Amino acid sequence: MRITIRQEDFNSMLAHALRERPDEACGLIAGYDREDGVREIDRVYLLTNTDHTNEHFTIDPKEQLRAIKDMRANGLKPLGNWHSHPESPSRPSEEDKRLANDSRASYLILSLMDAKHPVLNAFHIENTDAGKTVRKEEVIIIMEENGNG
């Protein structure tokens, strides 16, 4: 699967993740699954990690509910979630895999191991007879053109 995210939304995620360090930052993503197979992120939600740790995250349930209501009000589809790895690579940890229970979701992980060169990857994680299967998804950051001069 190919996933697109606007540079502005990536920058918001990165700023939130840097502010939350050394804890993991987290949030939700919403948008559309286009007919051409591309998953288009239209909105990124910056939410609170109620665990306040650098090893895992739990999204604040009240904030999650507000985000879901906003998605519905704006005709957006929940596409998955995102979180940061302040000190580790942009790949699912064993805990990330264990907690990934929605096979339709995309799981975005933003690594801050090298804060000058953050890495954003996306993954599809599903249960199989052999356990959890992880497949990397292609992430494309879209530079928006400013038509307002």
C-alpha atoms as a PDB file:
ATOM      1  CA  MET A   1       0.000   0.000   0.000  1.00  0.00           C
ATOM      2  CA  ARG A   2       1.083   3.553  -0.707  1.00  0.00           C
ATOM      3  CA  ILE A   3       0.290   6.287   1.841  1.00  0.00           C
ATOM      4  CA  THR A   4       0.456  10.019   1.210  1.00  0.00           C
ATOM      5  CA  ILE A   5       0.852  12.671   3.879  1.00  0.00           C
ATOM      6  CA  ARG A   6       1.250  16.423   3.401  1.00  0.00           C
ATOM      7  CA  GLN A   7       4.546  17.986   4.460  1.00  0.00           C
ATOM      8  CA  GLU A   8       2.596  20.292   6.789  1.00  0.00           C
ATOM      9  CA  ASP A   9       1.068  17.285   8.607  1.00  0.00           C
ATOM     10  CA  PHE A  10       4.435  15.537   8.822  1.00  0.00           C
ATOM     11  CA  ASN A  11       5.909  18.733  10.305  1.00  0.00           C
ATOM     12  CA  SER A  12       3.101  18.867  12.907  1.00  0.00           C
ATOM     13  CA  MET A  13       3.755  15.249  13.912  1.00  0.00           C
ATOM     14  CA  LEU A  14       7.478  15.896  14.163  1.00  0.00           C
ATOM     15  CA  ALA A  15       7.027  19.040  16.269  1.00  0.00           C
ATOM     16  CA  HIS A  16       4.642  17.192  18.612  1.00  0.00           C
ATOM     17  CA  ALA A  17       7.063  14.253  18.906  1.00  0.00           C
ATOM     18  CA  LEU A  18       9.990  16.557  19.675  1.00  0.00           C
ATOM     19  CA  ARG A  19       7.962  18.395  22.343  1.00  0.00           C
ATOM     20  CA  GLU A  20       6.978  15.102  23.992  1.00  0.00           C
ATOM     21  CA  ARG A  21      10.505  13.671  24.161  1.00  0.00           C
ATOM     22  CA  PRO A  22      11.683  11.669  26.006  1.00  0.00           C
ATOM     23  CA  ASP A  23       8.149  10.154  25.995  1.00  0.00           C
ATOM     24  CA  GLU A  24       6.517   8.640  22.948  1.00  0.00           C
ATOM     25  CA  ALA A  25       4.087  10.973  21.194  1.00  0.00           C
ATOM     26  CA  CYS A  26       0.949   9.579  19.592  1.00  0.00           C
ATOM     27  CA  GLY A  27      -2.141  10.344  17.578  1.00  0.00           C
ATOM     28  CA  LEU A  28      -4.553   9.225  14.909  1.00  0.00           C
ATOM     29  CA  ILE A  29      -4.657   9.594  11.132  1.00  0.00           C
ATOM     30  CA  ALA A  30      -7.741  10.011   8.970  1.00  0.00           C
ATOM     31  CA  GLY A  31      -8.502  10.472   5.304  1.00  0.00           C
ATOM     32  CA  TYR A  32      -9.505   8.396   2.307  1.00  0.00           C
ATOM     33  CA  ASP A  33      -8.724   5.130   0.574  1.00  0.00           C
ATOM     34  CA  ARG A  34      -8.645   6.218  -3.062  1.00  0.00           C
ATOM     35  CA  GLU A  35      -9.764   4.026  -5.951  1.00  0.00           C
ATOM     36  CA  ASP A  36      -6.176   3.859  -7.238  1.00  0.00           C
ATOM     37  CA  GLY A  37      -5.159   2.046  -4.033  1.00  0.00           C
ATOM     38  CA  VAL A  38      -3.464   5.038  -2.413  1.00  0.00           C
ATOM     39  CA  ARG A  39      -4.306   5.786   1.199  1.00  0.00           C
ATOM     40  CA  GLU A  40      -4.483   9.572   1.496  1.00  0.00           C
ATOM     41  CA  ILE A  41      -4.012  11.114   4.936  1.00  0.00           C
ATOM     42  CA  ASP A  42      -6.164  14.234   5.135  1.00  0.00           C
ATOM     43  CA  ARG A  43      -5.916  14.931   8.856  1.00  0.00           C
ATOM     44  CA  VAL A  44      -3.417  14.106  11.606  1.00  0.00           C
ATOM     45  CA  TYR A  45      -4.533  14.240  15.228  1.00  0.00           C
ATOM     46  CA  LEU A  46      -1.922  15.065  17.871  1.00  0.00           C
ATOM     47  CA  LEU A  47      -3.091  13.329  21.042  1.00  0.00           C
ATOM     48  CA  THR A  48      -1.833  12.740  24.573  1.00  0.00           C
ATOM     49  CA  ASN A  49       0.102   9.643  25.602  1.00  0.00           C
ATOM     50  CA  THR A  50      -1.432   8.992  29.012  1.00  0.00           C
ATOM     51  CA  ASP A  51       1.351   6.495  29.843  1.00  0.00           C
ATOM     52  CA  HIS A  52       4.043   9.226  29.703  1.00  0.00           C
ATOM     53  CA  THR A  53       6.816   6.776  28.867  1.00  0.00           C
ATOM     54  CA  ASN A  54       9.345   6.257  26.086  1.00  0.00           C
ATOM     55  CA  GLU A  55       8.469   2.563  25.704  1.00  0.00           C
ATOM     56  CA  HIS A  56       4.787   2.570  24.756  1.00  0.00           C
ATOM     57  CA  PHE A  57       1.718   4.732  24.449  1.00  0.00           C
ATOM     58  CA  THR A  58      -1.949   4.838  25.342  1.00  0.00           C
ATOM     59  CA  ILE A  59      -4.070   7.445  23.602  1.00  0.00           C
ATOM     60  CA  ASP A  60      -6.189   9.592  25.914  1.00  0.00           C
ATOM     61  CA  PRO A  61      -9.709   8.105  25.461  1.00  0.00           C
ATOM     62  CA  LYS A  62     -11.503  11.472  25.623  1.00  0.00           C
ATOM     63  CA  GLU A  63      -9.218  12.924  22.973  1.00  0.00           C
ATOM     64  CA  GLN A  64      -9.655   9.799  20.857  1.00  0.00           C
ATOM     65  CA  LEU A  65     -13.442  10.150  21.015  1.00  0.00           C
ATOM     66  CA  ARG A  66     -13.214  13.839  20.014  1.00  0.00           C
ATOM     67  CA  ALA A  67     -10.987  12.895  17.076  1.00  0.00           C
ATOM     68  CA  ILE A  68     -13.411  10.173  15.910  1.00  0.00           C
ATOM     69  CA  LYS A  69     -16.325  12.623  16.142  1.00  0.00           C
ATOM     70  CA  ASP A  70     -14.318  15.141  14.103  1.00  0.00           C
ATOM     71  CA  MET A  71     -13.576  12.481  11.466  1.00  0.00           C
ATOM     72  CA  ARG A  72     -17.258  11.633  11.160  1.00  0.00           C
ATOM     73  CA  ALA A  73     -18.282  15.296  11.006  1.00  0.00           C
ATOM     74  CA  ASN A  74     -15.814  15.861   8.161  1.00  0.00           C
ATOM     75  CA  GLY A  75     -16.556  12.678   6.206  1.00  0.00           C
ATOM     76  CA  LEU A  76     -13.140  11.181   6.907  1.00  0.00           C
ATOM     77  CA  LYS A  77     -12.286   7.531   7.437  1.00  0.00           C
ATOM     78  CA  PRO A  78     -10.109   6.467  10.376  1.00  0.00           C
ATOM     79  CA  LEU A  79      -6.933   5.137   8.739  1.00  0.00           C
ATOM     80  CA  GLY A  80      -4.877   4.167  11.772  1.00  0.00           C
ATOM     81  CA  ASN A  81      -2.548   5.720  14.288  1.00  0.00           C
ATOM     82  CA  TRP A  82       0.932   7.128  14.609  1.00  0.00           C
ATOM     83  CA  HIS A  83       3.472   7.293  17.377  1.00  0.00           C
ATOM     84  CA  SER A  84       7.083   8.225  17.865  1.00  0.00           C
ATOM     85  CA  HIS A  85      10.061   6.148  18.855  1.00  0.00           C
ATOM     86  CA  PRO A  86      12.268   8.682  20.677  1.00  0.00           C
ATOM     87  CA  GLU A  87      15.285   6.372  20.923  1.00  0.00           C
ATOM     88  CA  SER A  88      14.688   3.457  18.561  1.00  0.00           C
ATOM     89  CA  PRO A  89      14.272   2.805  14.826  1.00  0.00           C
ATOM     90  CA  SER A  90      11.098   3.353  12.835  1.00  0.00           C
ATOM     91  CA  ARG A  91       9.829  -0.214  12.992  1.00  0.00           C
ATOM     92  CA  PRO A  92       7.224  -1.923  15.158  1.00  0.00           C
ATOM     93  CA  SER A  93       8.459  -3.091  18.536  1.00  0.00           C
ATOM     94  CA  GLU A  94       7.185  -6.375  19.943  1.00  0.00           C
ATOM     95  CA  GLU A  95       4.718  -4.345  22.035  1.00  0.00           C
ATOM     96  CA  ASP A  96       3.573  -2.419  18.943  1.00  0.00           C
ATOM     97  CA  LYS A  97       2.882  -5.729  17.190  1.00  0.00           C
ATOM     98  CA  ARG A  98       1.090  -7.176  20.197  1.00  0.00           C
ATOM     99  CA  LEU A  99      -1.209  -4.154  20.471  1.00  0.00           C
ATOM    100  CA  ALA A 100      -1.930  -3.888  16.726  1.00  0.00           C
ATOM    101  CA  ASN A 101      -5.403  -5.396  16.528  1.00  0.00           C
ATOM    102  CA  ASP A 102      -6.948  -3.661  13.507  1.00  0.00           C
ATOM    103  CA  SER A 103      -5.855  -5.338  10.271  1.00  0.00           C
ATOM    104  CA  ARG A 104      -7.352  -2.439   8.258  1.00  0.00           C
ATOM    105  CA  ALA A 105      -5.193   0.173  10.007  1.00  0.00           C
ATOM    106  CA  SER A 106      -1.921   1.716   8.968  1.00  0.00           C
ATOM    107  CA  TYR A 107       0.556   2.135  11.812  1.00  0.00           C
ATOM    108  CA  LEU A 108       2.935   5.054  11.320  1.00  0.00           C
ATOM    109  CA  ILE A 109       6.121   5.206  13.386  1.00  0.00           C
ATOM    110  CA  LEU A 110       8.285   8.316  13.537  1.00  0.00           C
ATOM    111  CA  SER A 111      11.832   7.628  14.740  1.00  0.00           C
ATOM    112  CA  LEU A 112      13.728  10.427  16.478  1.00  0.00           C
ATOM    113  CA  MET A 113      16.935   8.409  16.968  1.00  0.00           C
ATOM    114  CA  ASP A 114      18.646  11.070  14.856  1.00  0.00           C
ATOM    115  CA  ALA A 115      16.534  14.206  15.446  1.00  0.00           C
ATOM    116  CA  LYS A 116      18.227  15.951  12.507  1.00  0.00           C
ATOM    117  CA  HIS A 117      17.056  13.139  10.229  1.00  0.00           C
ATOM    118  CA  PRO A 118      13.725  11.803  11.540  1.00  0.00           C
ATOM    119  CA  VAL A 119      12.376   8.700   9.795  1.00  0.00           C
ATOM    120  CA  LEU A 120       8.673   8.064   9.169  1.00  0.00           C
ATOM    121  CA  ASN A 121       7.577   4.586   8.129  1.00  0.00           C
ATOM    122  CA  ALA A 122       4.177   2.939   7.883  1.00  0.00           C
ATOM    123  CA  PHE A 123       3.242  -0.655   8.520  1.00  0.00           C
ATOM    124  CA  HIS A 124       0.342  -3.020   8.020  1.00  0.00           C
ATOM    125  CA  ILE A 125       0.144  -5.540  10.859  1.00  0.00           C
ATOM    126  CA  GLU A 126      -2.249  -8.469  10.941  1.00  0.00           C
ATOM    127  CA  ASN A 127      -2.821 -11.716  12.767  1.00  0.00           C
ATOM    128  CA  THR A 128      -1.984 -14.881  10.867  1.00  0.00           C
ATOM    129  CA  ASP A 129      -1.654 -18.526  11.850  1.00  0.00           C
ATOM    130  CA  ALA A 130       2.074 -17.898  12.237  1.00  0.00           C
ATOM    131  CA  GLY A 131       1.524 -14.908  14.551  1.00  0.00           C
ATOM    132  CA  LYS A 132       1.713 -11.236  13.632  1.00  0.00           C
ATOM    133  CA  THR A 133       2.675 -10.446  10.054  1.00  0.00           C
ATOM    134  CA  VAL A 134       4.234  -7.038   9.440  1.00  0.00           C
ATOM    135  CA  ARG A 135       4.402  -5.470   5.992  1.00  0.00           C
ATOM    136  CA  LYS A 136       6.021  -2.109   5.332  1.00  0.00           C
ATOM    137  CA  GLU A 137       3.916   0.419   3.431  1.00  0.00           C
ATOM    138  CA  GLU A 138       5.340   3.135   1.186  1.00  0.00           C
ATOM    139  CA  VAL A 139       5.069   6.661   2.631  1.00  0.00           C
ATOM    140  CA  ILE A 140       5.118   9.644   0.295  1.00  0.00           C
ATOM    141  CA  ILE A 141       5.392  13.133   1.792  1.00  0.00           C
ATOM    142  CA  ILE A 142       3.593  15.594  -0.480  1.00  0.00           C
ATOM    143  CA  MET A 143       4.961  19.099  -0.791  1.00  0.00           C
ATOM    144  CA  GLU A 144       2.013  21.443  -1.200  1.00  0.00           C
ATOM    145  CA  GLU A 145       2.259  24.295  -3.611  1.00  0.00           C
ATOM    146  CA  ASN A 146       1.160  27.634  -2.243  1.00  0.00           C
ATOM    147  CA  GLY A 147      -1.110  29.186  -4.831  1.00  0.00           C
ATOM    148  CA  ASN A 148      -1.642  32.322  -2.757  1.00  0.00           C
ATOM    149  CA  GLY A 149       1.565  33.965  -3.910  1.00  0.00           C
END
